[in-house]
Amino acid sequence: MSTHLPTADVQDPESSARTARLREALLAADFTADGLLELLGAPAYAALARSETVPAVRATRGDGPLETLVRLFLLQRPVALPRARAALPVADCLADGWLVQDGDELRASVDVRPYGGPEGQDWWIVSDLGCAVGGAGGIRGDGETDRAQLVLGVGGASTTLAGLTVRRPVATALDLGTGSGIQALHAAQHATRVTATDLNPRALRIAALTLALSGAGSADLREGSLFEPVGQETYDLIVSNPPFVISPGARLTYRDGGMGGDDLCRTLVQQSAARLNDGGYCQLLANWQHVAGEEWHDRLRSWVPRGCDAWIVQREVQDVTQYAELWLRDAGDHRAGDETYTARYDAWLDEFEAHKTKAVGFGWITLRKSGSDSPSITVEEWPHPVEQPLGESVVGHFARQDYLRATDDAALLAAHFRLADGVVQEQVGLPGAEDPEHVVLRQNRGMRRATKVDTVGAGFAGVCDGSLPAGRILDAIAQLVGEDPVLLRDRTPSSIRMLVEQGFLEPVAAGD
């Protein structure tokens, strides 16, 4: 791993102008997410995302500007000086350290990976050499000290968090543990002021490069752990892809929190309320322990600070051996030799045994500072595919919680509802049967939930178009099925609440 980083400085007009010329050259060569896909083709593009470079090398045998940039910045191959000059303002790149000259050849000092913004913007994410995707496992570094300070590029966790984040205009946003700066880059599009922090000063330097090269905003960059760099400042939005890995020690700054068990994630959640403005959101990715003798739902509920609503979704669970092996591979320990690998594997299992950990969950946590005395805390397991981006689904979830919290059963029956867009009905039963065994409502958008309903629930949902109050719909259904309307009104509100809570039904104002 190179220990040198580009020296581009947004505060220096000359350096800023050189960076702008570099950005123009990248665009002119179509060194963008779309251009990369077109050049490489889907298989090679997907392989590159898995850190497999052979297909991309084969696809860049030409001498065009785009092939040159891919070989320089993504494949870390040296390029002859005349070829580089045909694609880049070489003098500018040398002056600011994006390129390093070695005789008649040039090589890149950092990974630069094209990234498509949410509105079709062309951005570039800077990271350490070899870290555009994946973990540290593929890095042939100069030793453990270098590897500990690695700054990775965009991976699955980064894009997951970016898609989850609520994208409403805000005055202030905090990216805690910014890494290569991807969350700060997104936040700069809808926040007046962005603060980005990291314990690793190298990460702050690389985040500054990402922001400068992408030309899409700026951030106040501060060094320090957790909320230390921001003191008592408060924000409308806090996002964090923290070093959430539950590990023995803190070998790799980008992933290991250095606290026992899942204490780092718990601390971040519990301290966030004091840094949120009223109505503000805190959204983060996290790992949590499944501890022997404890219910994991209850354990996570205990993390939620007073005055905050919460939506916690567990996306995956691994037993302790799977989890240890995953992160040993991430660090390249599977190539370290049998004795070293065994010793490190033992250390992970010792860590889990000490904390009575039987498995580890991974997912996302969203807090909203509601100030409610009766907060809504939803903790659920949802390992199924979802539709990204989910930011508006997050807003909708909390809006529905507010509605249900303020609406008693009488008001619920007087309310009007509309079937949400993208909801379909499935009937399940034996072929030729007169009646289905059960009916399922399924969402094709957002969380893509499915729920089983009875005949009344299916009929109710099918009629909801906002024109009639719920009570009148139930009275009509009662007449059709020969049921006492009073009894039906008494037993149905809980089912309506469930359909509203999960987003199958949307409350609407009468006449809308």
Protein backbone atom coordinates (compact mmCIF):
# COMPACT_ATOMS: atom_id res chain seq x y z
CA MET A 1 0.00 0.00 0.00
CA SER A 2 1.31 3.43 -0.91
CA THR A 3 1.86 5.71 2.07
CA HIS A 4 1.51 8.83 -0.09
CA LEU A 5 -1.74 10.57 -0.92
CA PRO A 6 -2.53 13.31 -3.43
CA THR A 7 -1.99 16.82 -2.11
CA ALA A 8 -4.96 18.44 -3.86
CA ASP A 9 -6.22 21.31 -1.69
CA VAL A 10 -9.67 22.84 -2.17
CA GLN A 11 -8.53 25.90 -0.21
CA ASP A 12 -5.83 26.64 -2.81
CA PRO A 13 -7.33 28.17 -5.98
CA GLU A 14 -4.58 26.76 -8.20
CA SER A 15 -4.95 23.25 -6.79
CA SER A 16 -8.72 23.50 -7.01
CA ALA A 17 -8.44 24.48 -10.67
CA ARG A 18 -6.13 21.51 -11.36
CA THR A 19 -8.64 19.16 -9.70
CA ALA A 20 -11.41 20.62 -11.87
CA ARG A 21 -9.34 19.94 -14.99
CA LEU A 22 -8.78 16.37 -13.84
CA ARG A 23 -12.54 15.96 -13.34
CA GLU A 24 -13.18 17.32 -16.85
CA ALA A 25 -10.70 14.80 -18.26
CA LEU A 26 -12.42 11.93 -16.48
CA LEU A 27 -15.76 13.02 -17.90
CA ALA A 28 -14.34 13.52 -21.38
CA ALA A 29 -13.02 9.95 -21.36
CA ASP A 30 -16.38 8.68 -20.03
CA PHE A 31 -14.65 7.36 -16.91
CA THR A 32 -18.04 7.10 -15.25
CA ALA A 33 -20.16 4.29 -13.83
CA ASP A 34 -22.08 4.00 -17.10
CA GLY A 35 -18.96 4.28 -19.23
CA LEU A 36 -17.22 1.61 -17.17
CA LEU A 37 -20.13 -0.78 -17.57
CA GLU A 38 -20.23 -0.21 -21.32
CA LEU A 39 -16.48 -0.75 -21.73
CA LEU A 40 -16.12 -3.81 -19.53
CA GLY A 41 -19.47 -5.49 -20.05
CA ALA A 42 -21.61 -6.80 -17.23
CA PRO A 43 -19.55 -9.93 -16.35
CA ALA A 44 -16.20 -8.10 -16.11
CA TYR A 45 -17.85 -5.16 -14.31
CA ALA A 46 -19.34 -7.54 -11.73
CA ALA A 47 -16.01 -9.37 -11.40
CA LEU A 48 -14.24 -6.07 -10.68
CA ALA A 49 -16.73 -5.45 -7.88
CA ARG A 50 -15.56 -8.78 -6.43
CA SER A 51 -11.93 -7.62 -6.66
CA GLU A 52 -11.31 -9.99 -9.58
CA THR A 53 -9.32 -8.02 -12.13
CA VAL A 54 -8.43 -10.49 -14.90
CA PRO A 55 -11.62 -9.88 -16.97
CA ALA A 56 -11.11 -6.09 -16.71
CA VAL A 57 -7.47 -6.41 -17.79
CA ARG A 58 -8.57 -8.34 -20.87
CA ALA A 59 -11.21 -5.69 -21.65
CA THR A 60 -8.70 -2.81 -21.49
CA ARG A 61 -6.10 -3.94 -23.98
CA GLY A 62 -6.86 -0.97 -26.24
CA ASP A 63 -5.09 2.36 -26.08
CA GLY A 64 -8.09 4.68 -25.76
CA PRO A 65 -8.38 7.20 -22.89
CA LEU A 66 -10.99 5.15 -21.00
CA GLU A 67 -8.86 1.99 -21.10
CA THR A 68 -5.92 4.02 -19.86
CA LEU A 69 -7.86 5.41 -16.89
CA VAL A 70 -9.21 2.01 -15.92
CA ARG A 71 -5.72 0.51 -15.95
CA LEU A 72 -4.29 3.41 -13.95
CA PHE A 73 -6.93 4.01 -11.29
CA LEU A 74 -8.78 0.69 -10.95
CA LEU A 75 -6.25 -1.96 -11.96
CA GLN A 76 -3.19 -0.13 -10.58
CA ARG A 77 -1.13 -0.91 -13.68
CA PRO A 78 1.64 1.46 -14.81
CA VAL A 79 0.94 3.35 -18.02
CA ALA A 80 3.43 4.77 -20.49
CA LEU A 81 3.79 8.54 -20.31
CA PRO A 82 2.53 9.29 -23.87
CA ARG A 83 -0.55 7.15 -23.29
CA ALA A 84 -1.31 8.93 -20.00
CA ARG A 85 -0.91 12.34 -21.66
CA ALA A 86 -3.58 11.40 -24.18
CA ALA A 87 -6.09 10.86 -21.37
CA LEU A 88 -5.13 13.21 -18.55
CA PRO A 89 -3.62 16.61 -17.72
CA VAL A 90 -0.45 14.85 -16.57
CA ALA A 91 1.30 17.97 -15.27
CA ASP A 92 -1.70 18.77 -13.06
CA CYS A 93 -1.89 15.18 -11.79
CA LEU A 94 1.81 15.13 -10.96
CA ALA A 95 1.63 18.51 -9.26
CA ASP A 96 -1.14 17.36 -6.93
CA GLY A 97 0.16 13.82 -6.52
CA TRP A 98 -2.66 11.88 -8.22
CA LEU A 99 0.05 10.27 -10.36
CA VAL A 100 3.62 9.27 -9.56
CA GLN A 101 6.29 9.11 -12.27
CA ASP A 102 8.63 6.13 -12.49
CA GLY A 103 10.97 6.58 -15.44
CA ASP A 104 8.91 6.61 -18.62
CA GLU A 105 5.81 5.29 -16.85
CA LEU A 106 3.16 6.74 -14.54
CA ARG A 107 1.20 5.02 -11.83
CA ALA A 108 -1.71 6.12 -9.64
CA SER A 109 -1.23 6.95 -5.96
CA VAL A 110 -4.85 6.04 -5.08
CA ASP A 111 -7.83 4.09 -6.34
CA VAL A 112 -10.39 6.30 -8.08
CA ARG A 113 -13.67 4.50 -8.75
CA PRO A 114 -16.57 5.97 -10.76
CA TYR A 115 -19.80 6.13 -8.79
CA GLY A 116 -23.26 7.15 -9.96
CA GLY A 117 -25.05 9.67 -7.75
CA PRO A 118 -28.77 9.43 -6.94
CA GLU A 119 -29.81 11.93 -9.62
CA GLY A 120 -27.51 10.58 -12.29
CA GLN A 121 -24.49 12.59 -11.12
CA ASP A 122 -21.02 11.38 -12.03
CA TRP A 123 -18.91 11.08 -8.87
CA TRP A 124 -15.60 9.41 -8.05
CA ILE A 125 -14.74 7.68 -4.78
CA VAL A 126 -11.10 7.80 -3.72
CA SER A 127 -9.59 5.02 -1.60
CA ASP A 128 -6.26 3.41 -0.86
CA LEU A 129 -4.66 1.37 -3.62
CA GLY A 130 -6.41 -1.96 -4.00
CA CYS A 131 -9.30 -0.91 -1.73
CA ALA A 132 -11.86 0.29 -4.26
CA VAL A 133 -13.98 -2.70 -3.29
CA GLY A 134 -13.83 -5.46 -0.71
CA GLY A 135 -11.74 -5.54 2.42
CA ALA A 136 -8.06 -5.65 3.24
CA GLY A 137 -7.71 -9.30 2.32
CA GLY A 138 -6.39 -8.65 -1.18
CA ILE A 139 -3.86 -5.99 -0.17
CA ARG A 140 -0.16 -6.71 -0.40
CA GLY A 141 0.77 -3.98 2.08
CA ASP A 142 4.05 -3.04 3.73
CA GLY A 143 3.02 -4.63 6.99
CA GLU A 144 0.36 -4.65 9.68
CA THR A 145 0.85 -0.97 10.52
CA ASP A 146 -0.05 0.07 6.98
CA ARG A 147 -3.01 -2.28 6.80
CA ALA A 148 -4.43 -0.95 10.06
CA GLN A 149 -4.93 2.49 8.51
CA LEU A 150 -6.44 1.37 5.21
CA VAL A 151 -9.30 3.42 3.79
CA LEU A 152 -11.72 1.37 1.74
CA GLY A 153 -13.88 2.49 -1.15
CA VAL A 154 -17.55 1.80 -1.74
CA GLY A 155 -18.85 -1.63 -0.77
CA GLY A 156 -22.21 -3.22 -0.13
CA ALA A 157 -22.51 -1.71 3.35
CA SER A 158 -21.84 1.81 2.05
CA THR A 159 -24.46 1.59 -0.68
CA THR A 160 -26.98 0.00 1.69
CA LEU A 161 -26.68 2.90 4.13
CA ALA A 162 -26.79 5.48 1.33
CA GLY A 163 -30.03 3.95 0.08
CA LEU A 164 -31.59 3.82 3.54
CA THR A 165 -30.89 7.42 4.42
CA VAL A 166 -33.74 9.92 4.56
CA ARG A 167 -33.06 12.47 1.81
CA ARG A 168 -35.12 15.42 3.01
CA PRO A 169 -33.56 18.92 2.95
CA VAL A 170 -31.89 19.64 6.30
CA ALA A 171 -29.74 22.36 7.77
CA THR A 172 -27.11 20.13 9.38
CA ALA A 173 -25.87 16.58 8.82
CA LEU A 174 -23.15 14.51 10.49
CA ASP A 175 -21.30 11.62 8.83
CA LEU A 176 -19.69 9.80 11.75
CA GLY A 177 -16.81 7.57 10.63
CA THR A 178 -16.72 8.96 7.11
CA GLY A 179 -14.06 6.67 5.63
CA SER A 180 -13.75 7.48 1.93
CA GLY A 181 -16.48 10.14 2.26
CA ILE A 182 -19.34 8.50 0.39
CA GLN A 183 -22.02 9.33 2.98
CA ALA A 184 -20.79 12.92 3.28
CA LEU A 185 -20.95 13.19 -0.51
CA HIS A 186 -24.59 12.13 -0.51
CA ALA A 187 -25.45 14.33 2.48
CA ALA A 188 -23.94 17.41 0.80
CA GLN A 189 -26.71 17.22 -1.81
CA HIS A 190 -29.50 17.94 0.69
CA ALA A 191 -27.84 19.41 3.79
CA THR A 192 -26.76 23.04 4.10
CA ARG A 193 -23.81 22.09 6.32
CA VAL A 194 -22.11 18.69 6.53
CA THR A 195 -19.69 17.61 9.25
CA ALA A 196 -17.67 14.43 8.70
CA THR A 197 -15.54 12.74 11.37
CA ASP A 198 -13.13 9.83 11.54
CA LEU A 199 -10.63 8.44 14.01
CA ASN A 200 -8.22 7.81 11.13
CA PRO A 201 -6.63 11.04 9.81
CA ARG A 202 -5.87 9.23 6.56
CA ALA A 203 -9.61 8.70 6.06
CA LEU A 204 -10.27 12.42 6.49
CA ARG A 205 -7.67 13.20 3.84
CA ILE A 206 -9.20 10.71 1.42
CA ALA A 207 -12.73 11.96 2.12
CA ALA A 208 -11.54 15.47 1.23
CA LEU A 209 -10.18 14.09 -2.05
CA THR A 210 -13.48 12.33 -2.83
CA LEU A 211 -15.45 15.52 -2.25
CA ALA A 212 -13.02 17.69 -4.22
CA LEU A 213 -12.74 15.36 -7.20
CA SER A 214 -16.50 14.81 -7.39
CA GLY A 215 -17.12 18.57 -7.22
CA ALA A 216 -20.41 17.86 -5.45
CA GLY A 217 -20.06 19.69 -2.15
CA SER A 218 -17.84 20.06 0.88
CA ALA A 219 -17.73 19.03 4.52
CA ASP A 220 -16.24 20.19 7.80
CA LEU A 221 -13.74 17.36 8.45
CA ARG A 222 -12.83 16.57 12.07
CA GLU A 223 -10.62 13.92 13.64
CA GLY A 224 -11.73 11.87 16.64
CA SER A 225 -13.74 8.95 17.97
CA LEU A 226 -17.54 8.73 18.03
CA PHE A 227 -19.08 12.08 19.06
CA GLU A 228 -15.90 13.55 20.60
CA PRO A 229 -15.06 15.80 17.62
CA VAL A 230 -18.47 17.51 17.63
CA GLY A 231 -18.87 18.17 21.35
CA GLN A 232 -22.44 19.20 22.11
CA GLU A 233 -23.36 20.26 18.57
CA THR A 234 -26.68 18.91 17.31
CA TYR A 235 -27.81 17.78 13.88
CA ASP A 236 -30.92 17.12 11.82
CA LEU A 237 -29.38 13.96 10.36
CA ILE A 238 -26.68 11.62 11.63
CA VAL A 239 -25.45 8.78 9.42
CA SER A 240 -22.78 6.24 10.28
CA ASN A 241 -21.22 3.15 8.77
CA PRO A 242 -19.10 2.62 11.88
CA PRO A 243 -16.38 0.04 12.55
CA PHE A 244 -19.03 -2.39 13.73
CA VAL A 245 -17.15 -5.68 13.54
CA ILE A 246 -17.19 -7.59 16.84
CA SER A 247 -13.57 -8.65 17.09
CA PRO A 248 -10.73 -9.30 19.53
CA GLY A 249 -8.85 -6.02 19.60
CA ALA A 250 -8.72 -3.27 16.99
CA ARG A 251 -6.29 -4.38 14.29
CA LEU A 252 -8.00 -2.62 11.38
CA THR A 253 -9.32 0.88 12.03
CA TYR A 254 -11.85 0.76 9.20
CA ARG A 255 -13.75 -2.19 10.66
CA ASP A 256 -12.78 -2.96 14.31
CA GLY A 257 -14.36 -0.78 16.96
CA GLY A 258 -11.88 -1.59 19.71
CA MET A 259 -14.57 -1.96 22.38
CA GLY A 260 -15.70 -5.22 23.91
CA GLY A 261 -18.46 -7.08 22.08
CA ASP A 262 -20.97 -4.77 20.42
CA ASP A 263 -20.33 -1.90 22.83
CA LEU A 264 -19.32 0.52 20.08
CA CYS A 265 -22.65 0.22 18.26
CA ARG A 266 -24.58 0.37 21.53
CA THR A 267 -22.68 3.47 22.65
CA LEU A 268 -23.25 5.20 19.33
CA VAL A 269 -26.99 4.53 19.50
CA GLN A 270 -27.35 5.59 23.13
CA GLN A 271 -25.35 8.80 22.70
CA SER A 272 -27.05 9.88 19.49
CA ALA A 273 -30.20 11.33 21.08
CA ALA A 274 -28.22 14.13 22.73
CA ARG A 275 -26.86 15.14 19.29
CA LEU A 276 -30.16 15.08 17.40
CA ASN A 277 -32.42 18.05 16.87
CA ASP A 278 -36.15 17.49 17.41
CA GLY A 279 -37.50 15.41 14.54
CA GLY A 280 -33.98 14.48 13.45
CA TYR A 281 -32.90 11.04 12.26
CA CYS A 282 -29.90 8.90 13.17
CA GLN A 283 -29.29 6.06 10.72
CA LEU A 284 -26.52 3.52 10.99
CA LEU A 285 -25.43 0.00 10.19
CA ALA A 286 -24.58 -2.25 13.12
CA ASN A 287 -23.63 -5.72 14.30
CA TRP A 288 -25.06 -7.06 17.55
CA GLN A 289 -24.50 -10.11 19.68
CA HIS A 290 -27.03 -12.85 20.24
CA VAL A 291 -26.22 -13.63 23.85
CA ALA A 292 -27.08 -16.91 25.54
CA GLY A 293 -30.04 -16.45 27.89
CA GLU A 294 -31.10 -13.11 26.37
CA GLU A 295 -33.72 -12.30 23.75
CA TRP A 296 -32.04 -10.29 21.02
CA HIS A 297 -35.14 -8.16 20.40
CA ASP A 298 -35.19 -7.07 24.04
CA ARG A 299 -31.46 -6.48 24.07
CA LEU A 300 -31.69 -4.04 21.16
CA ARG A 301 -34.75 -2.33 22.60
CA SER A 302 -32.65 -1.53 25.66
CA TRP A 303 -30.23 0.42 23.45
CA VAL A 304 -32.85 2.95 22.29
CA PRO A 305 -32.42 6.29 24.11
CA ARG A 306 -35.31 8.06 25.81
CA GLY A 307 -37.36 10.34 23.57
CA CYS A 308 -36.55 8.43 20.37
CA ASP A 309 -38.66 6.22 18.16
CA ALA A 310 -36.72 3.37 16.58
CA TRP A 311 -36.90 0.97 13.66
CA ILE A 312 -34.35 -1.83 13.90
CA VAL A 313 -34.14 -4.43 11.14
CA GLN A 314 -32.01 -7.55 11.37
CA ARG A 315 -30.99 -8.57 7.85
CA GLU A 316 -28.69 -11.51 8.53
CA VAL A 317 -27.50 -13.78 11.34
CA GLN A 318 -24.28 -15.81 11.40
CA ASP A 319 -23.06 -18.30 13.95
CA VAL A 320 -19.79 -17.39 15.62
CA THR A 321 -17.66 -19.64 13.40
CA GLN A 322 -19.10 -18.22 10.17
CA TYR A 323 -18.64 -14.70 11.49
CA ALA A 324 -15.02 -15.25 12.53
CA GLU A 325 -14.17 -16.87 9.19
CA LEU A 326 -15.75 -14.00 7.23
CA TRP A 327 -13.62 -11.35 8.89
CA LEU A 328 -10.47 -13.48 8.95
CA ARG A 329 -10.80 -13.70 5.15
CA ASP A 330 -11.49 -9.96 4.99
CA ALA A 331 -8.13 -9.31 6.66
CA GLY A 332 -6.27 -11.86 4.53
CA ASP A 333 -5.52 -14.04 7.56
CA HIS A 334 -6.40 -17.18 5.62
CA ARG A 335 -3.10 -16.62 3.79
CA ALA A 336 -1.04 -15.91 6.89
CA GLY A 337 -0.04 -19.54 7.56
CA ASP A 338 -1.67 -22.28 9.57
CA GLU A 339 -0.28 -21.28 12.97
CA THR A 340 -1.11 -17.60 12.63
CA TYR A 341 -4.56 -18.32 11.24
CA THR A 342 -5.31 -20.81 14.01
CA ALA A 343 -4.16 -18.42 16.72
CA ARG A 344 -6.31 -15.60 15.38
CA TYR A 345 -9.32 -17.88 14.92
CA ASP A 346 -8.91 -19.01 18.55
CA ALA A 347 -8.79 -15.37 19.68
CA TRP A 348 -12.13 -14.67 17.98
CA LEU A 349 -13.75 -17.68 19.61
CA ASP A 350 -12.29 -16.67 22.98
CA GLU A 351 -13.88 -13.23 22.53
CA PHE A 352 -17.29 -14.75 21.79
CA GLU A 353 -17.04 -17.20 24.67
CA ALA A 354 -16.17 -14.41 27.10
CA HIS A 355 -19.34 -12.53 26.11
CA LYS A 356 -21.54 -15.68 25.90
CA THR A 357 -22.13 -14.86 22.23
CA LYS A 358 -23.80 -17.63 20.24
CA ALA A 359 -24.40 -15.70 17.00
CA VAL A 360 -24.05 -12.22 15.49
CA GLY A 361 -26.78 -10.23 13.78
CA PHE A 362 -26.28 -7.60 11.11
CA GLY A 363 -28.74 -4.92 10.10
CA TRP A 364 -29.70 -1.30 10.24
CA ILE A 365 -30.91 0.98 13.01
CA THR A 366 -32.91 4.18 12.49
CA LEU A 367 -33.75 6.53 15.35
CA ARG A 368 -36.04 9.53 15.13
CA LYS A 369 -36.08 12.06 17.93
CA SER A 370 -39.82 12.36 18.53
CA GLY A 371 -39.79 13.37 22.20
CA SER A 372 -42.75 11.04 22.74
CA ASP A 373 -43.45 9.66 26.21
CA SER A 374 -44.69 6.47 24.52
CA PRO A 375 -42.06 5.85 21.86
CA SER A 376 -42.58 3.48 18.96
CA ILE A 377 -39.84 0.84 18.91
CA THR A 378 -40.02 -1.74 16.13
CA VAL A 379 -37.45 -4.55 16.18
CA GLU A 380 -37.88 -7.11 13.44
CA GLU A 381 -36.09 -9.68 11.32
CA TRP A 382 -36.39 -9.18 7.56
CA PRO A 383 -33.83 -11.16 5.51
CA HIS A 384 -35.81 -10.82 2.27
CA PRO A 385 -35.01 -8.59 -0.74
CA VAL A 386 -36.04 -4.93 -0.49
CA GLU A 387 -36.29 -2.14 -3.03
CA GLN A 388 -33.60 0.50 -2.66
CA PRO A 389 -33.56 3.41 -2.11
CA LEU A 390 -35.59 3.05 1.07
CA GLY A 391 -35.34 6.59 2.45
CA GLU A 392 -38.97 7.45 1.71
CA SER A 393 -40.05 4.10 3.17
CA VAL A 394 -38.27 5.07 6.39
CA VAL A 395 -40.16 8.38 6.48
CA GLY A 396 -43.41 6.52 5.81
CA HIS A 397 -42.75 4.04 8.60
CA PHE A 398 -42.44 6.72 11.24
CA ALA A 399 -45.36 8.73 9.84
CA ARG A 400 -47.56 5.65 10.20
CA GLN A 401 -46.35 5.16 13.77
CA ASP A 402 -47.34 8.75 14.55
CA TYR A 403 -50.76 8.22 13.02
CA LEU A 404 -51.46 4.99 14.90
CA ARG A 405 -50.20 6.44 18.17
CA ALA A 406 -52.65 9.35 17.86
CA THR A 407 -55.65 7.35 16.57
CA ASP A 408 -57.87 5.29 18.86
CA ASP A 409 -60.17 2.55 17.57
CA ALA A 410 -63.18 4.83 17.20
CA ALA A 411 -61.17 7.29 15.11
CA LEU A 412 -59.72 4.41 13.13
CA LEU A 413 -63.19 3.20 12.12
CA ALA A 414 -64.15 6.73 11.09
CA ALA A 415 -61.00 7.14 8.99
CA HIS A 416 -60.59 6.68 5.25
CA PHE A 417 -57.88 4.44 3.78
CA ARG A 418 -56.38 3.71 0.39
CA LEU A 419 -54.60 0.57 -0.74
CA ALA A 420 -50.93 1.43 -1.17
CA ASP A 421 -49.42 1.44 -4.65
CA GLY A 422 -47.84 -1.84 -5.71
CA VAL A 423 -49.90 -4.11 -3.42
CA VAL A 424 -51.21 -7.29 -5.06
CA GLN A 425 -53.35 -10.13 -3.77
CA GLU A 426 -52.36 -13.79 -4.02
CA GLN A 427 -54.70 -16.70 -3.34
CA VAL A 428 -53.16 -19.96 -2.19
CA GLY A 429 -54.98 -23.27 -2.31
CA LEU A 430 -55.30 -26.61 -4.05
CA PRO A 431 -55.97 -26.51 -7.79
CA GLY A 432 -59.68 -26.59 -8.50
CA ALA A 433 -60.69 -25.81 -4.91
CA GLU A 434 -63.75 -23.58 -4.58
CA ASP A 435 -62.14 -21.38 -1.91
CA PRO A 436 -58.48 -20.53 -1.29
CA GLU A 437 -56.80 -21.87 1.83
CA HIS A 438 -55.54 -18.38 2.54
CA VAL A 439 -55.07 -14.99 0.94
CA VAL A 440 -51.78 -13.08 0.92
CA LEU A 441 -51.28 -9.36 0.36
CA ARG A 442 -47.86 -8.63 -1.12
CA GLN A 443 -45.99 -5.37 -1.70
CA ASN A 444 -43.92 -4.89 -4.84
CA ARG A 445 -42.26 -1.73 -3.51
CA GLY A 446 -40.23 -0.69 -0.48
CA MET A 447 -39.81 -3.48 2.06
CA ARG A 448 -41.77 -5.87 -0.20
CA ARG A 449 -43.66 -7.31 2.72
CA ALA A 450 -46.24 -10.07 2.54
CA THR A 451 -48.97 -10.79 5.07
CA LYS A 452 -51.70 -13.41 5.30
CA VAL A 453 -55.23 -12.04 5.69
CA ASP A 454 -58.64 -13.61 6.16
CA THR A 455 -61.63 -13.11 3.88
CA VAL A 456 -62.69 -9.97 5.73
CA GLY A 457 -59.17 -8.48 5.58
CA ALA A 458 -58.84 -9.20 1.88
CA GLY A 459 -62.27 -7.76 1.14
CA PHE A 460 -61.59 -4.68 3.26
CA ALA A 461 -58.23 -3.96 1.59
CA GLY A 462 -59.69 -4.48 -1.87
CA VAL A 463 -62.45 -1.91 -1.33
CA CYS A 464 -60.24 0.78 0.24
CA ASP A 465 -59.99 3.62 -2.28
CA GLY A 466 -60.34 6.54 0.13
CA SER A 467 -64.02 7.16 -0.57
CA LEU A 468 -65.66 5.43 2.43
CA PRO A 469 -64.81 5.33 6.13
CA ALA A 470 -63.53 2.00 7.46
CA GLY A 471 -66.62 1.44 9.62
CA ARG A 472 -69.02 1.66 6.68
CA ILE A 473 -66.89 -0.76 4.67
CA LEU A 474 -67.02 -3.24 7.55
CA ASP A 475 -70.78 -2.88 7.84
CA ALA A 476 -71.14 -3.75 4.15
CA ILE A 477 -68.81 -6.75 4.53
CA ALA A 478 -70.78 -7.94 7.56
CA GLN A 479 -73.97 -7.89 5.53
CA LEU A 480 -72.32 -9.88 2.73
CA VAL A 481 -70.91 -12.60 4.99
CA GLY A 482 -73.84 -12.69 7.39
CA GLU A 483 -71.91 -11.51 10.44
CA ASP A 484 -73.01 -9.19 13.23
CA PRO A 485 -71.64 -5.74 12.21
CA VAL A 486 -71.05 -4.74 15.84
CA LEU A 487 -68.89 -7.80 16.49
CA LEU A 488 -67.02 -7.24 13.25
CA ARG A 489 -66.30 -3.62 14.18
CA ASP A 490 -65.03 -4.79 17.57
CA ARG A 491 -62.57 -7.36 16.28
CA THR A 492 -61.25 -5.71 13.13
CA PRO A 493 -59.35 -2.58 14.32
CA SER A 494 -56.27 -4.63 15.28
CA SER A 495 -56.11 -6.04 11.75
CA ILE A 496 -56.49 -2.57 10.23
CA ARG A 497 -53.69 -1.30 12.47
CA MET A 498 -51.42 -4.08 11.28
CA LEU A 499 -52.14 -3.30 7.62
CA VAL A 500 -51.49 0.40 8.23
CA GLU A 501 -48.34 -0.23 10.27
CA GLN A 502 -46.81 -2.45 7.59
CA GLY A 503 -47.70 -0.04 4.80
CA PHE A 504 -50.43 -1.98 2.99
CA LEU A 505 -53.02 0.73 3.74
CA GLU A 506 -52.51 4.49 3.76
CA PRO A 507 -54.76 6.87 5.74
CA VAL A 508 -56.20 9.64 3.59
CA ALA A 509 -58.27 12.72 4.28
CA ALA A 510 -61.95 12.34 3.38
CA GLY A 511 -62.56 13.38 -0.23
CA ASP A 512 -58.93 13.05 -1.34
